[in-house]
PDB file of N, CA and C in Angstrom:
ATOM      1  N   MET A   1     167.299 123.714  34.925  1.00  0.00           N
ATOM      2  CA  MET A   1     167.910 123.106  36.097  1.00  0.00           C
ATOM      3  C   MET A   1     169.324 122.668  35.736  1.00  0.00           C
ATOM      4  N   ALA A   2     170.243 123.029  36.620  1.00  0.00           N
ATOM      5  CA  ALA A   2     171.635 122.674  36.371  1.00  0.00           C
ATOM      6  C   ALA A   2     172.423 122.793  37.668  1.00  0.00           C
ATOM      7  N   PHE A   3     173.601 122.197  37.673  1.00  0.00           N
ATOM      8  CA  PHE A   3     174.493 122.363  38.816  1.00  0.00           C
ATOM      9  C   PHE A   3     175.118 123.750  38.757  1.00  0.00           C
ATOM     10  N   LYS A   4     175.114 124.436  39.905  1.00  0.00           N
ATOM     11  CA  LYS A   4     175.719 125.764  40.005  1.00  0.00           C
ATOM     12  C   LYS A   4     176.568 125.813  41.267  1.00  0.00           C
ATOM     13  N   PRO A   5     177.584 126.671  41.289  1.00  0.00           N
ATOM     14  CA  PRO A   5     178.319 126.860  42.539  1.00  0.00           C
ATOM     15  C   PRO A   5     177.553 127.827  43.443  1.00  0.00           C
ATOM     16  N   CYS A   6     177.506 127.508  44.720  1.00  0.00           N
ATOM     17  CA  CYS A   6     176.867 128.379  45.708  1.00  0.00           C
ATOM     18  C   CYS A   6     177.682 129.667  45.823  1.00  0.00           C
ATOM     19  N   LYS A   7     177.019 130.806  45.889  1.00  0.00           N
ATOM     20  CA  LYS A   7     177.711 132.098  45.975  1.00  0.00           C
ATOM     21  C   LYS A   7     178.410 132.289  47.315  1.00  0.00           C
ATOM     22  N   ARG A   8     177.965 131.579  48.354  1.00  0.00           N
ATOM     23  CA  ARG A   8     178.556 131.741  49.679  1.00  0.00           C
ATOM     24  C   ARG A   8     179.667 130.729  49.954  1.00  0.00           C
ATOM     25  N   CYS A   9     179.409 129.438  49.691  1.00  0.00           N
ATOM     26  CA  CYS A   9     180.388 128.409  50.058  1.00  0.00           C
ATOM     27  C   CYS A   9     181.076 127.761  48.845  1.00  0.00           C
ATOM     28  N   SER A  10     180.662 128.095  47.637  1.00  0.00           N
ATOM     29  CA  SER A  10     181.217 127.582  46.378  1.00  0.00           C
ATOM     30  C   SER A  10     180.987 126.097  46.141  1.00  0.00           C
ATOM     31  N   LYS A  11     180.159 125.466  46.964  1.00  0.00           N
ATOM     32  CA  LYS A  11     179.839 124.058  46.770  1.00  0.00           C
ATOM     33  C   LYS A  11     178.801 123.940  45.653  1.00  0.00           C
ATOM     34  N   ASN A  12     178.983 122.972  44.752  1.00  0.00           N
ATOM     35  CA  ASN A  12     178.021 122.783  43.672  1.00  0.00           C
ATOM     36  C   ASN A  12     176.719 122.228  44.225  1.00  0.00           C
ATOM     37  N   PHE A  13     175.599 122.746  43.728  1.00  0.00           N
ATOM     38  CA  PHE A  13     174.277 122.259  44.137  1.00  0.00           C
ATOM     39  C   PHE A  13     173.363 122.271  42.921  1.00  0.00           C
ATOM     40  N   TRP A  14     172.291 121.504  43.005  1.00  0.00           N
ATOM     41  CA  TRP A  14     171.335 121.395  41.910  1.00  0.00           C
ATOM     42  C   TRP A  14     170.401 122.596  42.016  1.00  0.00           C
ATOM     43  N   ALA A  15     170.570 123.574  41.128  1.00  0.00           N
ATOM     44  CA  ALA A  15     169.815 124.823  41.181  1.00  0.00           C
ATOM     45  C   ALA A  15     168.538 124.724  40.366  1.00  0.00           C
ATOM     46  N   VAL A  16     167.464 125.131  40.976  1.00  0.00           N
ATOM     47  CA  VAL A  16     166.179 125.208  40.303  1.00  0.00           C
ATOM     48  C   VAL A  16     165.829 126.683  40.214  1.00  0.00           C
ATOM     49  N   GLY A  17     165.623 127.181  39.024  1.00  0.00           N
ATOM     50  CA  GLY A  17     165.297 128.597  38.857  1.00  0.00           C
ATOM     51  C   GLY A  17     166.519 129.475  39.061  1.00  0.00           C
ATOM     52  N   HIS A  18     166.340 130.563  39.777  1.00  0.00           N
ATOM     53  CA  HIS A  18     167.399 131.555  39.943  1.00  0.00           C
ATOM     54  C   HIS A  18     168.079 131.487  41.309  1.00  0.00           C
ATOM     55  N   ARG A  19     168.060 130.349  41.955  1.00  0.00           N
ATOM     56  CA  ARG A  19     168.680 130.228  43.277  1.00  0.00           C
ATOM     57  C   ARG A  19     170.177 130.478  43.194  1.00  0.00           C
ATOM     58  N   LEU A  20     170.700 131.235  44.154  1.00  0.00           N
ATOM     59  CA  LEU A  20     172.120 131.545  44.190  1.00  0.00           C
ATOM     60  C   LEU A  20     172.844 130.841  45.325  1.00  0.00           C
ATOM     61  N   LEU A  21     172.088 130.370  46.337  1.00  0.00           N
ATOM     62  CA  LEU A  21     172.689 129.732  47.503  1.00  0.00           C
ATOM     63  C   LEU A  21     172.210 128.294  47.635  1.00  0.00           C
ATOM     64  N   CYS A  22     173.111 127.418  48.110  1.00  0.00           N
ATOM     65  CA  CYS A  22     172.715 126.031  48.360  1.00  0.00           C
ATOM     66  C   CYS A  22     171.769 125.998  49.566  1.00  0.00           C
ATOM     67  N   GLY A  23     171.156 124.877  49.806  1.00  0.00           N
ATOM     68  CA  GLY A  23     170.205 124.744  50.901  1.00  0.00           C
ATOM     69  C   GLY A  23     170.812 125.008  52.263  1.00  0.00           C
ATOM     70  N   GLU A  24     172.056 124.579  52.464  1.00  0.00           N
ATOM     71  CA  GLU A  24     172.711 124.785  53.755  1.00  0.00           C
ATOM     72  C   GLU A  24     173.002 126.260  54.013  1.00  0.00           C
ATOM     73  N   CYS A  25     173.398 126.995  52.992  1.00  0.00           N
ATOM     74  CA  CYS A  25     173.721 128.419  53.157  1.00  0.00           C
ATOM     75  C   CYS A  25     172.466 129.281  53.208  1.00  0.00           C
ATOM     76  N   LYS A  26     171.425 128.855  52.504  1.00  0.00           N
ATOM     77  CA  LYS A  26     170.199 129.647  52.460  1.00  0.00           C
ATOM     78  C   LYS A  26     169.503 129.663  53.813  1.00  0.00           C
ATOM     79  N   GLN A  27     169.453 128.540  54.471  1.00  0.00           N
ATOM     80  CA  GLN A  27     168.749 128.458  55.736  1.00  0.00           C
ATOM     81  C   GLN A  27     169.618 127.724  56.741  1.00  0.00           C
ATOM     82  N   PRO A  28     170.307 128.448  57.623  1.00  0.00           N
ATOM     83  CA  PRO A  28     171.156 127.794  58.617  1.00  0.00           C
ATOM     84  C   PRO A  28     170.337 126.842  59.498  1.00  0.00           C
ATOM     85  N   HIS A  29     170.968 125.837  59.982  1.00  0.00           N
ATOM     86  CA  HIS A  29     170.309 124.851  60.825  1.00  0.00           C
ATOM     87  C   HIS A  29     169.796 125.514  62.091  1.00  0.00           C
ATOM     88  N   ARG A  30     168.610 125.149  62.535  1.00  0.00           N
ATOM     89  CA  ARG A  30     168.001 125.764  63.718  1.00  0.00           C
ATOM     90  C   ARG A  30     168.896 125.653  64.947  1.00  0.00           C
ATOM     91  N   ARG A  31     169.582 124.533  65.069  1.00  0.00           N
ATOM     92  CA  ARG A  31     170.443 124.337  66.229  1.00  0.00           C
ATOM     93  C   ARG A  31     171.589 125.353  66.238  1.00  0.00           C
ATOM     94  N   GLU A  32     172.130 125.646  65.055  1.00  0.00           N
ATOM     95  CA  GLU A  32     173.201 126.636  64.960  1.00  0.00           C
ATOM     96  C   GLU A  32     172.702 128.022  65.347  1.00  0.00           C
ATOM     97  N   ILE A  33     171.504 128.377  64.909  1.00  0.00           N
ATOM     98  CA  ILE A  33     170.930 129.679  65.247  1.00  0.00           C
ATOM     99  C   ILE A  33     170.668 129.761  66.742  1.00  0.00           C
ATOM    100  N   ALA A  34     170.148 128.679  67.333  1.00  0.00           N
ATOM    101  CA  ALA A  34     169.837 128.675  68.762  1.00  0.00           C
ATOM    102  C   ALA A  34     171.085 128.789  69.619  1.00  0.00           C
ATOM    103  N   GLN A  35     172.231 128.374  69.103  1.00  0.00           N
ATOM    104  CA  GLN A  35     173.460 128.403  69.889  1.00  0.00           C
ATOM    105  C   GLN A  35     174.169 129.751  69.868  1.00  0.00           C
ATOM    106  N   LEU A  36     173.683 130.702  69.067  1.00  0.00           N
ATOM    107  CA  LEU A  36     174.295 132.026  69.070  1.00  0.00           C
ATOM    108  C   LEU A  36     174.153 132.645  70.459  1.00  0.00           C
ATOM    109  N   PRO A  37     175.157 133.390  70.940  1.00  0.00           N
ATOM    110  CA  PRO A  37     175.121 133.922  72.308  1.00  0.00           C
ATOM    111  C   PRO A  37     173.864 134.721  72.642  1.00  0.00           C
ATOM    112  N   GLU A  38     173.406 135.585  71.734  1.00  0.00           N
ATOM    113  CA  GLU A  38     172.213 136.379  72.044  1.00  0.00           C
ATOM    114  C   GLU A  38     170.967 135.509  72.128  1.00  0.00           C
ATOM    115  N   ASN A  39     170.914 134.423  71.364  1.00  0.00           N
ATOM    116  CA  ASN A  39     169.760 133.540  71.419  1.00  0.00           C
ATOM    117  C   ASN A  39     169.789 132.648  72.651  1.00  0.00           C
ATOM    118  N   ARG A  40     170.969 132.292  73.128  1.00  0.00           N
ATOM    119  CA  ARG A  40     171.062 131.520  74.372  1.00  0.00           C
ATOM    120  C   ARG A  40     170.459 132.308  75.524  1.00  0.00           C
ATOM    121  N   MET A  41     170.745 133.603  75.563  1.00  0.00           N
ATOM    122  CA  MET A  41     170.229 134.448  76.633  1.00  0.00           C
ATOM    123  C   MET A  41     168.692 134.514  76.564  1.00  0.00           C
ATOM    124  N   LYS A  42     168.156 134.619  75.356  1.00  0.00           N
ATOM    125  CA  LYS A  42     166.703 134.650  75.177  1.00  0.00           C
ATOM    126  C   LYS A  42     166.071 133.345  75.644  1.00  0.00           C
ATOM    127  N   ARG A  43     166.677 132.210  75.249  1.00  0.00           N
ATOM    128  CA  ARG A  43     166.128 130.914  75.651  1.00  0.00           C
ATOM    129  C   ARG A  43     166.136 130.754  77.157  1.00  0.00           C
ATOM    130  N   ARG A  44     167.215 131.188  77.794  1.00  0.00           N
ATOM    131  CA  ARG A  44     167.294 131.077  79.255  1.00  0.00           C
ATOM    132  C   ARG A  44     166.248 131.950  79.943  1.00  0.00           C
ATOM    133  N   ALA A  45     166.042 133.164  79.427  1.00  0.00           N
ATOM    134  CA  ALA A  45     165.040 134.060  80.004  1.00  0.00           C
ATOM    135  C   ALA A  45     163.642 133.482  79.829  1.00  0.00           C
ATOM    136  N   ASN A  46     163.348 132.934  78.643  1.00  0.00           N
ATOM    137  CA  ASN A  46     162.037 132.333  78.409  1.00  0.00           C
ATOM    138  C   ASN A  46     161.812 131.117  79.299  1.00  0.00           C
ATOM    139  N   ALA A  47     162.849 130.312  79.491  1.00  0.00           N
ATOM    140  CA  ALA A  47     162.736 129.146  80.376  1.00  0.00           C
ATOM    141  C   ALA A  47     162.516 129.587  81.811  1.00  0.00           C
ATOM    142  N   ALA A  48     163.172 130.658  82.233  1.00  0.00           N
ATOM    143  CA  ALA A  48     162.997 131.168  83.597  1.00  0.00           C
ATOM    144  C   ALA A  48     161.556 131.621  83.820  1.00  0.00           C
ATOM    145  N   VAL A  49     160.963 132.268  82.824  1.00  0.00           N
ATOM    146  CA  VAL A  49     159.563 132.706  82.941  1.00  0.00           C
ATOM    147  C   VAL A  49     158.637 131.501  83.012  1.00  0.00           C
ATOM    148  N   ARG A  50     158.856 130.510  82.139  1.00  0.00           N
ATOM    149  CA  ARG A  50     158.009 129.297  82.184  1.00  0.00           C
ATOM    150  C   ARG A  50     158.091 128.621  83.534  1.00  0.00           C
ATOM    151  N   ASN A  51     159.308 128.477  84.081  1.00  0.00           N
ATOM    152  CA  ASN A  51     159.478 127.835  85.375  1.00  0.00           C
ATOM    153  C   ASN A  51     158.848 128.657  86.494  1.00  0.00           C
ATOM    154  N   ALA A  52     158.950 129.986  86.413  1.00  0.00           N
ATOM    155  CA  ALA A  52     158.357 130.856  87.436  1.00  0.00           C
ATOM    156  C   ALA A  52     156.830 130.773  87.400  1.00  0.00           C
ATOM    157  N   ILE A  53     156.242 130.674  86.218  1.00  0.00           N
ATOM    158  CA  ILE A  53     154.788 130.532  86.106  1.00  0.00           C
ATOM    159  C   ILE A  53     154.366 129.184  86.676  1.00  0.00           C
ATOM    160  N   ARG A  54     155.106 128.145  86.329  1.00  0.00           N
ATOM    161  CA  ARG A  54     154.785 126.801  86.796  1.00  0.00           C
ATOM    162  C   ARG A  54     154.865 126.701  88.320  1.00  0.00           C
ATOM    163  N   SER A  55     155.871 127.360  88.913  1.00  0.00           N
ATOM    164  CA  SER A  55     156.049 127.272  90.366  1.00  0.00           C
ATOM    165  C   SER A  55     155.221 128.303  91.127  1.00  0.00           C
ATOM    166  N   GLY A  56     154.557 129.227  90.425  1.00  0.00           N
ATOM    167  CA  GLY A  56     153.687 130.190  91.088  1.00  0.00           C
ATOM    168  C   GLY A  56     154.361 131.506  91.458  1.00  0.00           C
ATOM    169  N   ILE A  57     155.607 131.690  91.089  1.00  0.00           N
ATOM    170  CA  ILE A  57     156.316 132.945  91.373  1.00  0.00           C
ATOM    171  C   ILE A  57     155.761 134.066  90.501  1.00  0.00           C
ATOM    172  N   LEU A  58     155.487 133.769  89.235  1.00  0.00           N
ATOM    173  CA  LEU A  58     154.880 134.724  88.306  1.00  0.00           C
ATOM    174  C   LEU A  58     153.470 134.275  87.987  1.00  0.00           C
ATOM    175  N   GLU A  59     152.610 135.233  87.730  1.00  0.00           N
ATOM    176  CA  GLU A  59     151.241 134.921  87.347  1.00  0.00           C
ATOM    177  C   GLU A  59     150.925 135.619  86.031  1.00  0.00           C
ATOM    178  N   ARG A  60     150.299 134.888  85.119  1.00  0.00           N
ATOM    179  CA  ARG A  60     149.922 135.490  83.844  1.00  0.00           C
ATOM    180  C   ARG A  60     148.886 136.586  84.099  1.00  0.00           C
ATOM    181  N   ARG A  61     149.016 137.677  83.338  1.00  0.00           N
ATOM    182  CA  ARG A  61     148.075 138.793  83.471  1.00  0.00           C
ATOM    183  C   ARG A  61     147.507 139.143  82.105  1.00  0.00           C
ATOM    184  N   ALA A  62     146.586 140.077  82.096  1.00  0.00           N
ATOM    185  CA  ALA A  62     146.034 140.588  80.844  1.00  0.00           C
ATOM    186  C   ALA A  62     147.047 141.543  80.211  1.00  0.00           C
ATOM    187  N   CYS A  63     146.823 141.884  78.964  1.00  0.00           N
ATOM    188  CA  CYS A  63     147.733 142.756  78.222  1.00  0.00           C
ATOM    189  C   CYS A  63     147.874 144.106  78.920  1.00  0.00           C
ATOM    190  N   GLU A  64     149.117 144.535  79.075  1.00  0.00           N
ATOM    191  CA  GLU A  64     149.413 145.789  79.774  1.00  0.00           C
ATOM    192  C   GLU A  64     149.765 146.932  78.828  1.00  0.00           C
ATOM    193  N   ALA A  65     149.572 146.734  77.528  1.00  0.00           N
ATOM    194  CA  ALA A  65     149.947 147.762  76.556  1.00  0.00           C
ATOM    195  C   ALA A  65     149.024 148.963  76.692  1.00  0.00           C
ATOM    196  N   ALA A  66     149.618 150.136  76.657  1.00  0.00           N
ATOM    197  CA  ALA A  66     148.844 151.374  76.747  1.00  0.00           C
ATOM    198  C   ALA A  66     148.481 151.857  75.354  1.00  0.00           C
ATOM    199  N   HIS A  67     147.197 152.131  75.152  1.00  0.00           N
ATOM    200  CA  HIS A  67     146.721 152.691  73.885  1.00  0.00           C
ATOM    201  C   HIS A  67     146.317 154.136  74.123  1.00  0.00           C
ATOM    202  N   ARG A  68     146.432 154.936  73.096  1.00  0.00           N
ATOM    203  CA  ARG A  68     146.158 156.370  73.245  1.00  0.00           C
ATOM    204  C   ARG A  68     144.733 156.653  73.707  1.00  0.00           C
ATOM    205  N   ALA A  69     143.760 156.112  73.011  1.00  0.00           N
ATOM    206  CA  ALA A  69     142.371 156.475  73.275  1.00  0.00           C
ATOM    207  C   ALA A  69     141.749 155.693  74.423  1.00  0.00           C
ATOM    208  N   SER A  70     141.986 154.386  74.462  1.00  0.00           N
ATOM    209  CA  SER A  70     141.237 153.541  75.385  1.00  0.00           C
ATOM    210  C   SER A  70     141.983 153.173  76.662  1.00  0.00           C
ATOM    211  N   GLY A  71     143.181 153.667  76.880  1.00  0.00           N
ATOM    212  CA  GLY A  71     143.943 153.298  78.079  1.00  0.00           C
ATOM    213  C   GLY A  71     144.681 152.002  77.868  1.00  0.00           C
ATOM    214  N   VAL A  72     144.480 151.040  78.767  1.00  0.00           N
ATOM    215  CA  VAL A  72     145.181 149.765  78.703  1.00  0.00           C
ATOM    216  C   VAL A  72     144.393 148.788  77.846  1.00  0.00           C
ATOM    217  N   CYS A  73     145.094 147.954  77.079  1.00  0.00           N
ATOM    218  CA  CYS A  73     144.467 146.994  76.166  1.00  0.00           C
ATOM    219  C   CYS A  73     143.607 145.991  76.937  1.00  0.00           C
ATOM    220  N   GLY A  74     144.211 145.216  77.842  1.00  0.00           N
ATOM    221  CA  GLY A  74     143.473 144.297  78.694  1.00  0.00           C
ATOM    222  C   GLY A  74     143.063 142.972  78.089  1.00  0.00           C
ATOM    223  N   ARG A  75     143.485 142.668  76.863  1.00  0.00           N
ATOM    224  CA  ARG A  75     143.103 141.390  76.242  1.00  0.00           C
ATOM    225  C   ARG A  75     143.861 140.220  76.869  1.00  0.00           C
ATOM    226  N   THR A  76     143.258 139.046  76.783  1.00  0.00           N
ATOM    227  CA  THR A  76     143.902 137.806  77.205  1.00  0.00           C
ATOM    228  C   THR A  76     143.791 136.816  76.056  1.00  0.00           C
ATOM    229  N   PRO A  77     144.626 135.834  75.914  1.00  0.00           N
ATOM    230  CA  PRO A  77     145.806 135.549  76.713  1.00  0.00           C
ATOM    231  C   PRO A  77     146.937 136.508  76.358  1.00  0.00           C
ATOM    232  N   ALA A  78     147.863 136.677  77.283  1.00  0.00           N
ATOM    233  CA  ALA A  78     148.989 137.582  77.073  1.00  0.00           C
ATOM    234  C   ALA A  78     150.296 136.801  77.109  1.00  0.00           C
ATOM    235  N   HIS A  79     151.280 137.293  76.378  1.00  0.00           N
ATOM    236  CA  HIS A  79     152.615 136.696  76.310  1.00  0.00           C
ATOM    237  C   HIS A  79     153.569 137.541  77.146  1.00  0.00           C
ATOM    238  N   ALA A  80     154.584 136.914  77.693  1.00  0.00           N
ATOM    239  CA  ALA A  80     155.602 137.631  78.454  1.00  0.00           C
ATOM    240  C   ALA A  80     156.603 138.233  77.474  1.00  0.00           C
ATOM    241  N   HIS A  81     156.817 139.543  77.567  1.00  0.00           N
ATOM    242  CA  HIS A  81     157.768 140.235  76.700  1.00  0.00           C
ATOM    243  C   HIS A  81     158.915 140.756  77.557  1.00  0.00           C
ATOM    244  N   HIS A  82     160.136 140.413  77.166  1.00  0.00           N
ATOM    245  CA  HIS A  82     161.328 140.870  77.889  1.00  0.00           C
ATOM    246  C   HIS A  82     161.870 142.131  77.240  1.00  0.00           C
ATOM    247  N   GLU A  83     162.060 143.171  78.019  1.00  0.00           N
ATOM    248  CA  GLU A  83     162.759 144.364  77.533  1.00  0.00           C
ATOM    249  C   GLU A  83     164.260 144.140  77.645  1.00  0.00           C
ATOM    250  N   ASP A  84     164.676 143.383  78.676  1.00  0.00           N
ATOM    251  CA  ASP A  84     166.091 143.121  78.916  1.00  0.00           C
ATOM    252  C   ASP A  84     166.232 141.655  79.322  1.00  0.00           C
ATOM    253  N   TYR A  85     166.906 140.863  78.482  1.00  0.00           N
ATOM    254  CA  TYR A  85     167.029 139.428  78.748  1.00  0.00           C
ATOM    255  C   TYR A  85     167.929 139.118  79.935  1.00  0.00           C
ATOM    256  N   SER A  86     168.738 140.075  80.380  1.00  0.00           N
ATOM    257  CA  SER A  86     169.581 139.822  81.551  1.00  0.00           C
ATOM    258  C   SER A  86     168.761 139.882  82.840  1.00  0.00           C
ATOM    259  N   LYS A  87     167.516 140.361  82.760  1.00  0.00           N
ATOM    260  CA  LYS A  87     166.591 140.379  83.902  1.00  0.00           C
ATOM    261  C   LYS A  87     165.397 139.496  83.528  1.00  0.00           C
ATOM    262  N   PRO A  88     165.535 138.186  83.653  1.00  0.00           N
ATOM    263  CA  PRO A  88     164.555 137.266  83.074  1.00  0.00           C
ATOM    264  C   PRO A  88     163.156 137.326  83.674  1.00  0.00           C
ATOM    265  N   LEU A  89     163.001 137.764  84.913  1.00  0.00           N
ATOM    266  CA  LEU A  89     161.667 137.784  85.505  1.00  0.00           C
ATOM    267  C   LEU A  89     161.006 139.151  85.440  1.00  0.00           C
ATOM    268  N   GLU A  90     161.659 140.121  84.840  1.00  0.00           N
ATOM    269  CA  GLU A  90     161.048 141.431  84.601  1.00  0.00           C
ATOM    270  C   GLU A  90     160.420 141.401  83.215  1.00  0.00           C
ATOM    271  N   VAL A  91     159.111 141.167  83.180  1.00  0.00           N
ATOM    272  CA  VAL A  91     158.412 141.031  81.904  1.00  0.00           C
ATOM    273  C   VAL A  91     157.238 141.992  81.832  1.00  0.00           C
ATOM    274  N   VAL A  92     156.849 142.303  80.611  1.00  0.00           N
ATOM    275  CA  VAL A  92     155.639 143.071  80.336  1.00  0.00           C
ATOM    276  C   VAL A  92     154.695 142.103  79.645  1.00  0.00           C
ATOM    277  N   TRP A  93     153.448 142.052  80.095  1.00  0.00           N
ATOM    278  CA  TRP A  93     152.485 141.125  79.508  1.00  0.00           C
ATOM    279  C   TRP A  93     151.776 141.799  78.352  1.00  0.00           C
ATOM    280  N   LEU A  94     151.867 141.179  77.161  1.00  0.00           N
ATOM    281  CA  LEU A  94     151.286 141.741  75.939  1.00  0.00           C
ATOM    282  C   LEU A  94     150.482 140.675  75.199  1.00  0.00           C
ATOM    283  N   CYS A  95     149.319 141.083  74.661  1.00  0.00           N
ATOM    284  CA  CYS A  95     148.544 140.156  73.827  1.00  0.00           C
ATOM    285  C   CYS A  95     149.298 139.951  72.510  1.00  0.00           C
ATOM    286  N   ARG A  96     148.832 139.033  71.715  1.00  0.00           N
ATOM    287  CA  ARG A  96     149.536 138.699  70.471  1.00  0.00           C
ATOM    288  C   ARG A  96     149.687 139.918  69.556  1.00  0.00           C
ATOM    289  N   PHE A  97     148.623 140.704  69.411  1.00  0.00           N
ATOM    290  CA  PHE A  97     148.661 141.877  68.549  1.00  0.00           C
ATOM    291  C   PHE A  97     149.642 142.924  69.085  1.00  0.00           C
ATOM    292  N   CYS A  98     149.519 143.260  70.356  1.00  0.00           N
ATOM    293  CA  CYS A  98     150.388 144.286  70.949  1.00  0.00           C
ATOM    294  C   CYS A  98     151.847 143.830  70.963  1.00  0.00           C
ATOM    295  N   HIS A  99     152.079 142.528  71.124  1.00  0.00           N
ATOM    296  CA  HIS A  99     153.431 141.990  71.113  1.00  0.00           C
ATOM    297  C   HIS A  99     154.053 142.176  69.725  1.00  0.00           C
ATOM    298  N   SER A 100     153.282 141.882  68.682  1.00  0.00           N
ATOM    299  CA  SER A 100     153.820 142.059  67.331  1.00  0.00           C
ATOM    300  C   SER A 100     154.045 143.536  67.022  1.00  0.00           C
ATOM    301  N   VAL A 101     153.182 144.408  67.516  1.00  0.00           N
ATOM    302  CA  VAL A 101     153.371 145.847  67.333  1.00  0.00           C
ATOM    303  C   VAL A 101     154.633 146.293  68.059  1.00  0.00           C
ATOM    304  N   ARG A 102     154.835 145.798  69.266  1.00  0.00           N
ATOM    305  CA  ARG A 102     156.018 146.173  70.046  1.00  0.00           C
ATOM    306  C   ARG A 102     157.302 145.742  69.345  1.00  0.00           C
ATOM    307  N   HIS A 103     157.323 144.527  68.812  1.00  0.00           N
ATOM    308  CA  HIS A 103     158.512 144.066  68.107  1.00  0.00           C
ATOM    309  C   HIS A 103     158.701 144.826  66.796  1.00  0.00           C
ATOM    310  N   GLY A 104     157.617 145.245  66.173  1.00  0.00           N
ATOM    311  CA  GLY A 104     157.730 146.097  64.997  1.00  0.00           C
ATOM    312  C   GLY A 104     158.348 147.432  65.354  1.00  0.00           C
ATOM    313  N   ASP A 105     157.966 147.985  66.509  1.00  0.00           N
ATOM    314  CA  ASP A 105     158.550 149.244  66.995  1.00  0.00           C
ATOM    315  C   ASP A 105     160.022 149.076  67.261  1.00  0.00           C
ATOM    316  N   LEU A 106     160.405 147.940  67.848  1.00  0.00           N
ATOM    317  CA  LEU A 106     161.804 147.703  68.140  1.00  0.00           C
ATOM    318  C   LEU A 106     162.617 147.651  66.855  1.00  0.00           C
ATOM    319  N   ARG A 107     162.087 147.029  65.814  1.00  0.00           N
ATOM    320  CA  ARG A 107     162.818 146.928  64.554  1.00  0.00           C
ATOM    321  C   ARG A 107     162.964 148.288  63.889  1.00  0.00           C
ATOM    322  N   MET A 108     161.980 149.165  64.059  1.00  0.00           N
ATOM    323  CA  MET A 108     162.038 150.479  63.438  1.00  0.00           C
ATOM    324  C   MET A 108     163.115 151.344  64.092  1.00  0.00           C
ATOM    325  N   LYS A 109     163.389 151.162  65.391  1.00  0.00           N
ATOM    326  CA  LYS A 109     164.373 151.970  66.103  1.00  0.00           C
ATOM    327  C   LYS A 109     165.791 151.592  65.741  1.00  0.00           C
ATOM    328  N   ILE A 110     166.008 150.333  65.335  1.00  0.00           N
ATOM    329  CA  ILE A 110     167.368 149.853  65.062  1.00  0.00           C
ATOM    330  C   ILE A 110     167.907 150.372  63.790  1.00  0.00           C
TER     331      ILE A 110
END
């Protein structure tokens, strides 16, 4: 254990093991991440869905994911998935498993 300069900001920090970044550089503050423009749009879309469900404009449904062999998944509870955050009330309802698969697919395309 010794003081080391952070590789990103050059501020000295108490390094344990092989750490190269100080705590501030390693994990940005949640508030800073939430304020990024793309995350603001996501938060607004998610809030719009919550408010629409609460007011009765949207209704929760079963999972709408299509599977090759069995057709539609149909599990509940389902989460609202946005394909486009600029259209906050256009959602696809996906169960937890199908939602994680969908986001995995999105990461593979990028």
